[in-house]
Amino acid sequence: MKPQIESIYLGDLRTEATHIASKNKIITDAPTDNNGKGEAFSPTDLVCAALGSCMMTIMGIVAQRDNISLEGVTWKTTKIMASHPRRIAEIHVHFHFPAKINLTPAQKQKLENAARTCPVALSLASEIKQEVSFEYE
C-alpha cells in the first residue's frame, strides 16, 4: 500500500507532514504546556480539527445529495486534555448555521446524524467524550 503522507521531524518538538497528492504541508508544534513553543497546531489540536472538518464534510455530502447549500456554516472546536496519562479527554464541536440556510426539522436531524457518524467520530476511542451542538439562526 502506498503512503498518503510523508513526514519529517524538524527538531525542537516540531514536525512537518506533506500530503503526497497535493503537496500541501502541515507543521505541528508541541503546546506551551508540554515543553513546546505553541507556534502551530499541536498533534492533538489536529485530531480535534479533523473531527470538526470530517463532520462538516459528511454533512456537506448529505446536503449535496439533497440539493442543500451549507456554504457559510462555521464551527468552533474546544479540546479538553486530561493527565496521567496525557490525552484528549473531551472534544466539543459547536456548529453555527446562518439564517440564510433554511432547513426543515427533518433536514436538521439528517445532517446532525451524519455529523455524529463521520469516520473520525467513529474512529476515536469511546473514552473521548464528543460533545456536539448545532445552532440554527
Protein backbone atom coordinates (compact mmCIF):
# COMPACT_ATOMS: atom_id res chain seq x y z
CA MET A 1 0.00 0.00 0.00
CA LYS A 2 1.26 3.47 -0.89
CA PRO A 3 1.56 6.11 1.86
CA GLN A 4 -0.58 9.25 1.57
CA ILE A 5 1.52 11.38 3.90
CA GLU A 6 5.27 11.83 4.31
CA SER A 7 6.58 13.45 7.49
CA ILE A 8 9.84 14.70 8.94
CA TYR A 9 10.93 15.69 12.42
CA LEU A 10 12.37 19.20 12.19
CA GLY A 11 13.75 19.21 15.73
CA ASP A 12 12.75 21.34 18.69
CA LEU A 13 9.42 19.41 19.04
CA ARG A 14 8.26 20.41 15.54
CA THR A 15 7.16 18.16 12.68
CA GLU A 16 6.21 18.70 9.05
CA ALA A 17 3.74 16.45 7.22
CA THR A 18 3.28 16.58 3.46
CA HIS A 19 0.14 15.34 1.71
CA ILE A 20 1.75 13.50 -1.21
CA ALA A 21 -1.01 14.00 -3.78
CA SER A 22 -1.40 17.77 -3.28
CA LYS A 23 1.99 18.67 -1.76
CA ASN A 24 0.18 20.65 0.97
CA LYS A 25 2.10 20.81 4.23
CA ILE A 26 1.13 20.94 7.89
CA ILE A 27 3.51 21.96 10.65
CA THR A 28 2.93 20.78 14.21
CA ASP A 29 4.45 22.16 17.35
CA ALA A 30 4.24 20.93 20.92
CA PRO A 31 1.95 23.15 23.01
CA THR A 32 3.42 25.53 25.54
CA ASP A 33 2.04 23.45 28.43
CA ASN A 34 4.01 20.46 27.15
CA ASN A 35 7.51 21.89 26.55
CA GLY A 36 6.74 23.39 23.14
CA LYS A 37 6.57 26.81 21.56
CA GLY A 38 2.89 26.58 20.64
CA GLU A 39 3.56 28.29 17.31
CA ALA A 40 1.47 25.84 15.27
CA PHE A 41 -1.25 23.24 15.71
CA SER A 42 -0.29 20.53 18.16
CA PRO A 43 -0.94 16.91 17.13
CA THR A 44 -3.92 16.79 19.50
CA ASP A 45 -5.23 20.06 18.00
CA LEU A 46 -5.18 18.35 14.61
CA VAL A 47 -7.21 15.43 15.96
CA CYS A 48 -9.86 17.89 17.14
CA ALA A 49 -9.75 19.89 13.91
CA ALA A 50 -10.09 16.64 11.98
CA LEU A 51 -13.24 15.77 13.92
CA GLY A 52 -14.96 19.07 13.09
CA SER A 53 -13.81 19.02 9.47
CA CYS A 54 -14.91 15.41 8.99
CA MET A 55 -18.32 16.15 10.48
CA MET A 56 -18.76 19.13 8.18
CA THR A 57 -17.57 17.15 5.15
CA ILE A 58 -20.07 14.37 5.77
CA MET A 59 -22.86 16.91 6.30
CA GLY A 60 -21.75 18.53 3.04
CA ILE A 61 -22.01 15.21 1.18
CA VAL A 62 -25.53 14.65 2.53
CA ALA A 63 -26.51 18.24 1.72
CA GLN A 64 -25.21 17.95 -1.87
CA ARG A 65 -27.33 14.85 -2.42
CA ASP A 66 -30.38 16.78 -1.17
CA ASN A 67 -29.54 19.99 -3.10
CA ILE A 68 -28.93 21.99 0.09
CA SER A 69 -26.21 24.64 0.25
CA LEU A 70 -24.34 24.70 3.54
CA GLU A 71 -21.98 27.48 2.47
CA GLY A 72 -21.30 29.75 5.42
CA VAL A 73 -21.67 27.17 8.20
CA THR A 74 -19.00 27.76 10.82
CA TRP A 75 -17.88 25.73 13.81
CA LYS A 76 -15.75 26.13 16.91
CA THR A 77 -13.81 23.29 18.45
CA THR A 78 -12.67 23.07 22.06
CA LYS A 79 -10.21 20.47 23.31
CA ILE A 80 -10.07 19.38 26.94
CA MET A 81 -6.97 17.48 27.95
CA ALA A 82 -6.55 15.01 30.80
CA SER A 83 -3.35 13.97 32.50
CA HIS A 84 -1.83 10.73 33.80
CA PRO A 85 -1.62 9.78 31.00
CA ARG A 86 -1.79 12.99 28.98
CA ARG A 87 -4.57 12.53 26.44
CA ILE A 88 -7.61 14.15 24.88
CA ALA A 89 -10.48 13.75 27.35
CA GLU A 90 -13.18 15.72 25.55
CA ILE A 91 -13.78 17.42 22.22
CA HIS A 92 -16.57 19.96 21.94
CA VAL A 93 -17.71 20.98 18.44
CA HIS A 94 -20.30 23.74 18.07
CA PHE A 95 -21.78 24.28 14.60
CA HIS A 96 -23.47 27.55 13.65
CA PHE A 97 -25.87 27.65 10.70
CA PRO A 98 -26.60 31.20 9.47
CA ALA A 99 -30.19 32.32 8.87
CA LYS A 100 -29.78 32.10 5.08
CA ILE A 101 -29.68 28.30 5.45
CA ASN A 102 -33.33 27.44 5.98
CA LEU A 103 -33.66 23.80 6.98
CA THR A 104 -36.68 21.71 7.91
CA PRO A 105 -36.60 19.75 11.19
CA ALA A 106 -36.10 16.53 9.17
CA GLN A 107 -33.16 18.03 7.27
CA LYS A 108 -31.57 19.22 10.50
CA GLN A 109 -31.90 15.75 12.03
CA LYS A 110 -30.43 14.11 8.93
CA LEU A 111 -27.42 16.45 8.96
CA GLU A 112 -26.86 16.08 12.69
CA ASN A 113 -26.95 12.27 12.39
CA ALA A 114 -24.47 12.47 9.50
CA ALA A 115 -22.10 14.61 11.57
CA ARG A 116 -22.17 12.29 14.56
CA THR A 117 -21.38 9.25 12.40
CA CYS A 118 -18.45 10.68 10.41
CA PRO A 119 -15.39 8.41 10.07
CA VAL A 120 -13.27 10.42 12.53
CA ALA A 121 -16.03 10.39 15.18
CA LEU A 122 -16.36 6.64 14.79
CA SER A 123 -12.57 6.15 14.91
CA LEU A 124 -11.91 7.97 18.17
CA ALA A 125 -11.71 5.96 21.38
CA SER A 126 -15.00 5.71 23.21
CA GLU A 127 -13.27 7.22 26.27
CA ILE A 128 -13.05 10.56 24.44
CA LYS A 129 -16.26 12.45 25.13
CA GLN A 130 -17.61 14.09 21.97
CA GLU A 131 -19.92 16.99 22.78
CA VAL A 132 -21.53 18.21 19.54
CA SER A 133 -24.04 21.04 19.32
CA PHE A 134 -25.90 22.74 16.49
CA GLU A 135 -27.15 26.33 16.46
CA TYR A 136 -29.62 27.50 13.83
CA GLU A 137 -30.49 31.17 13.35
